[in-house]
Amino acid sequence: MTLPSFMKHVRVLESNGLIRTTKSGRVRTCELNQEQLARLVEK
């Protein structure tokens, strides 16, 4: 998977509140939003 397509997927997940990202220099860290994920699983 290329970086641009990966980042597109990350932006979709982030815009829907499923992950949070932080960037420090060249490193981007992704964190699951467990509350949003739990709501999605319940449905």
PDB file of N, CA and C in Angstrom:
ATOM      1  N   MET A   1       0.849  -1.165   0.000  1.00  0.00           N
ATOM      2  CA  MET A   1       0.000   0.000   0.000  1.00  0.00           C
ATOM      3  C   MET A   1       0.901   1.237   0.000  1.00  0.00           C
ATOM      4  N   THR A   2       0.572   2.178  -0.830  1.00  0.00           N
ATOM      5  CA  THR A   2       1.365   3.404  -0.900  1.00  0.00           C
ATOM      6  C   THR A   2       0.999   4.346   0.246  1.00  0.00           C
ATOM      7  N   LEU A   3       1.906   5.235   0.578  1.00  0.00           N
ATOM      8  CA  LEU A   3       1.661   6.171   1.676  1.00  0.00           C
ATOM      9  C   LEU A   3       0.443   7.059   1.432  1.00  0.00           C
ATOM     10  N   PRO A   4       0.260   7.615   0.222  1.00  0.00           N
ATOM     11  CA  PRO A   4      -0.940   8.445   0.017  1.00  0.00           C
ATOM     12  C   PRO A   4      -2.248   7.682   0.228  1.00  0.00           C
ATOM     13  N   SER A   5      -2.313   6.434  -0.221  1.00  0.00           N
ATOM     14  CA  SER A   5      -3.555   5.676  -0.023  1.00  0.00           C
ATOM     15  C   SER A   5      -3.733   5.296   1.448  1.00  0.00           C
ATOM     16  N   PHE A   6      -2.637   5.012   2.130  1.00  0.00           N
ATOM     17  CA  PHE A   6      -2.712   4.727   3.564  1.00  0.00           C
ATOM     18  C   PHE A   6      -3.228   5.941   4.324  1.00  0.00           C
ATOM     19  N   MET A   7      -2.695   7.126   3.996  1.00  0.00           N
ATOM     20  CA  MET A   7      -3.114   8.344   4.678  1.00  0.00           C
ATOM     21  C   MET A   7      -4.574   8.672   4.380  1.00  0.00           C
ATOM     22  N   LYS A   8      -5.040   8.326   3.203  1.00  0.00           N
ATOM     23  CA  LYS A   8      -6.458   8.533   2.882  1.00  0.00           C
ATOM     24  C   LYS A   8      -7.333   7.706   3.826  1.00  0.00           C
ATOM     25  N   HIS A   9      -6.940   6.455   4.067  1.00  0.00           N
ATOM     26  CA  HIS A   9      -7.688   5.597   4.982  1.00  0.00           C
ATOM     27  C   HIS A   9      -7.617   6.142   6.411  1.00  0.00           C
ATOM     28  N   VAL A  10      -6.446   6.620   6.807  1.00  0.00           N
ATOM     29  CA  VAL A  10      -6.293   7.190   8.146  1.00  0.00           C
ATOM     30  C   VAL A  10      -7.198   8.405   8.308  1.00  0.00           C
ATOM     31  N   ARG A  11      -7.264   9.266   7.312  1.00  0.00           N
ATOM     32  CA  ARG A  11      -8.118  10.461   7.389  1.00  0.00           C
ATOM     33  C   ARG A  11      -9.595  10.082   7.503  1.00  0.00           C
ATOM     34  N   VAL A  12     -10.015   9.036   6.799  1.00  0.00           N
ATOM     35  CA  VAL A  12     -11.410   8.593   6.891  1.00  0.00           C
ATOM     36  C   VAL A  12     -11.711   8.100   8.309  1.00  0.00           C
ATOM     37  N   LEU A  13     -10.824   7.290   8.864  1.00  0.00           N
ATOM     38  CA  LEU A  13     -11.023   6.794  10.229  1.00  0.00           C
ATOM     39  C   LEU A  13     -11.020   7.943  11.238  1.00  0.00           C
ATOM     40  N   GLU A  14     -10.131   8.898  11.028  1.00  0.00           N
ATOM     41  CA  GLU A  14     -10.030  10.041  11.941  1.00  0.00           C
ATOM     42  C   GLU A  14     -11.255  10.949  11.840  1.00  0.00           C
ATOM     43  N   SER A  15     -11.731  11.180  10.638  1.00  0.00           N
ATOM     44  CA  SER A  15     -12.897  12.061  10.469  1.00  0.00           C
ATOM     45  C   SER A  15     -14.169  11.441  11.039  1.00  0.00           C
ATOM     46  N   ASN A  16     -14.198  10.115  11.133  1.00  0.00           N
ATOM     47  CA  ASN A  16     -15.351   9.437  11.724  1.00  0.00           C
ATOM     48  C   ASN A  16     -15.181   9.190  13.220  1.00  0.00           C
ATOM     49  N   GLY A  17     -14.086   9.683  13.786  1.00  0.00           N
ATOM     50  CA  GLY A  17     -13.879   9.593  15.223  1.00  0.00           C
ATOM     51  C   GLY A  17     -13.420   8.244  15.722  1.00  0.00           C
ATOM     52  N   LEU A  18     -12.985   7.355  14.834  1.00  0.00           N
ATOM     53  CA  LEU A  18     -12.563   6.030  15.266  1.00  0.00           C
ATOM     54  C   LEU A  18     -11.114   5.993  15.741  1.00  0.00           C
ATOM     55  N   ILE A  19     -10.293   6.942  15.270  1.00  0.00           N
ATOM     56  CA  ILE A  19      -8.916   7.034  15.735  1.00  0.00           C
ATOM     57  C   ILE A  19      -8.561   8.493  15.987  1.00  0.00           C
ATOM     58  N   ARG A  20      -7.515   8.694  16.773  1.00  0.00           N
ATOM     59  CA  ARG A  20      -6.921  10.010  16.978  1.00  0.00           C
ATOM     60  C   ARG A  20      -5.472   9.892  16.534  1.00  0.00           C
ATOM     61  N   THR A  21      -4.962  10.915  15.879  1.00  0.00           N
ATOM     62  CA  THR A  21      -3.566  10.883  15.461  1.00  0.00           C
ATOM     63  C   THR A  21      -2.833  12.095  15.997  1.00  0.00           C
ATOM     64  N   THR A  22      -1.561  11.877  16.290  1.00  0.00           N
ATOM     65  CA  THR A  22      -0.665  12.963  16.662  1.00  0.00           C
ATOM     66  C   THR A  22       0.592  12.806  15.829  1.00  0.00           C
ATOM     67  N   LYS A  23       1.207  13.925  15.498  1.00  0.00           N
ATOM     68  CA  LYS A  23       2.402  13.878  14.679  1.00  0.00           C
ATOM     69  C   LYS A  23       3.531  14.599  15.405  1.00  0.00           C
ATOM     70  N   SER A  24       4.669  13.938  15.474  1.00  0.00           N
ATOM     71  CA  SER A  24       5.867  14.516  16.076  1.00  0.00           C
ATOM     72  C   SER A  24       7.007  14.302  15.092  1.00  0.00           C
ATOM     73  N   GLY A  25       7.381  15.356  14.398  1.00  0.00           N
ATOM     74  CA  GLY A  25       8.400  15.219  13.357  1.00  0.00           C
ATOM     75  C   GLY A  25       7.868  14.381  12.209  1.00  0.00           C
ATOM     76  N   ARG A  26       8.560  13.322  11.885  1.00  0.00           N
ATOM     77  CA  ARG A  26       8.134  12.432  10.798  1.00  0.00           C
ATOM     78  C   ARG A  26       7.265  11.275  11.287  1.00  0.00           C
ATOM     79  N   VAL A  27       7.060  11.183  12.600  1.00  0.00           N
ATOM     80  CA  VAL A  27       6.337  10.040  13.183  1.00  0.00           C
ATOM     81  C   VAL A  27       4.899  10.431  13.476  1.00  0.00           C
ATOM     82  N   ARG A  28       3.961   9.666  12.938  1.00  0.00           N
ATOM     83  CA  ARG A  28       2.541   9.865  13.222  1.00  0.00           C
ATOM     84  C   ARG A  28       2.070   8.680  14.059  1.00  0.00           C
ATOM     85  N   THR A  29       1.491   8.977  15.217  1.00  0.00           N
ATOM     86  CA  THR A  29       0.994   7.945  16.119  1.00  0.00           C
ATOM     87  C   THR A  29      -0.524   7.925  16.061  1.00  0.00           C
ATOM     88  N   CYS A  30      -1.083   6.740  15.875  1.00  0.00           N
ATOM     89  CA  CYS A  30      -2.543   6.567  15.816  1.00  0.00           C
ATOM     90  C   CYS A  30      -3.001   5.854  17.071  1.00  0.00           C
ATOM     91  N   GLU A  31      -4.121   6.328  17.614  1.00  0.00           N
ATOM     92  CA  GLU A  31      -4.689   5.746  18.826  1.00  0.00           C
ATOM     93  C   GLU A  31      -6.166   5.460  18.579  1.00  0.00           C
ATOM     94  N   LEU A  32      -6.599   4.252  18.915  1.00  0.00           N
ATOM     95  CA  LEU A  32      -8.003   3.894  18.755  1.00  0.00           C
ATOM     96  C   LEU A  32      -8.870   4.664  19.741  1.00  0.00           C
ATOM     97  N   ASN A  33     -10.024   5.110  19.285  1.00  0.00           N
ATOM     98  CA  ASN A  33     -11.007   5.718  20.165  1.00  0.00           C
ATOM     99  C   ASN A  33     -11.951   4.579  20.558  1.00  0.00           C
ATOM    100  N   GLN A  34     -11.698   4.002  21.704  1.00  0.00           N
ATOM    101  CA  GLN A  34     -12.423   2.803  22.120  1.00  0.00           C
ATOM    102  C   GLN A  34     -13.917   3.049  22.315  1.00  0.00           C
ATOM    103  N   GLU A  35     -14.301   4.243  22.736  1.00  0.00           N
ATOM    104  CA  GLU A  35     -15.721   4.545  22.929  1.00  0.00           C
ATOM    105  C   GLU A  35     -16.472   4.508  21.602  1.00  0.00           C
ATOM    106  N   GLN A  36     -15.920   5.155  20.584  1.00  0.00           N
ATOM    107  CA  GLN A  36     -16.556   5.158  19.266  1.00  0.00           C
ATOM    108  C   GLN A  36     -16.583   3.752  18.673  1.00  0.00           C
ATOM    109  N   LEU A  37     -15.501   3.021  18.852  1.00  0.00           N
ATOM    110  CA  LEU A  37     -15.429   1.655  18.325  1.00  0.00           C
ATOM    111  C   LEU A  37     -16.471   0.770  19.010  1.00  0.00           C
ATOM    112  N   ALA A  38     -16.663   0.937  20.304  1.00  0.00           N
ATOM    113  CA  ALA A  38     -17.653   0.141  21.040  1.00  0.00           C
ATOM    114  C   ALA A  38     -19.065   0.456  20.529  1.00  0.00           C
ATOM    115  N   ARG A  39     -19.340   1.721  20.233  1.00  0.00           N
ATOM    116  CA  ARG A  39     -20.660   2.083  19.706  1.00  0.00           C
ATOM    117  C   ARG A  39     -20.895   1.421  18.343  1.00  0.00           C
ATOM    118  N   LEU A  40     -19.856   1.365  17.555  1.00  0.00           N
ATOM    119  CA  LEU A  40     -19.965   0.758  16.224  1.00  0.00           C
ATOM    120  C   LEU A  40     -20.214  -0.745  16.335  1.00  0.00           C
ATOM    121  N   VAL A  41     -19.550  -1.393  17.278  1.00  0.00           N
ATOM    122  CA  VAL A  41     -19.694  -2.844  17.464  1.00  0.00           C
ATOM    123  C   VAL A  41     -21.085  -3.185  17.982  1.00  0.00           C
ATOM    124  N   GLU A  42     -21.659  -2.308  18.832  1.00  0.00           N
ATOM    125  CA  GLU A  42     -22.981  -2.568  19.425  1.00  0.00           C
ATOM    126  C   GLU A  42     -24.090  -2.600  18.375  1.00  0.00           C
ATOM    127  N   LYS A  43     -23.928  -1.873  17.289  1.00  0.00           N
ATOM    128  CA  LYS A  43     -24.991  -1.765  16.294  1.00  0.00           C
ATOM    129  C   LYS A  43     -25.145  -2.991  15.495  1.00  0.00           C
TER     130      LYS A  43
END
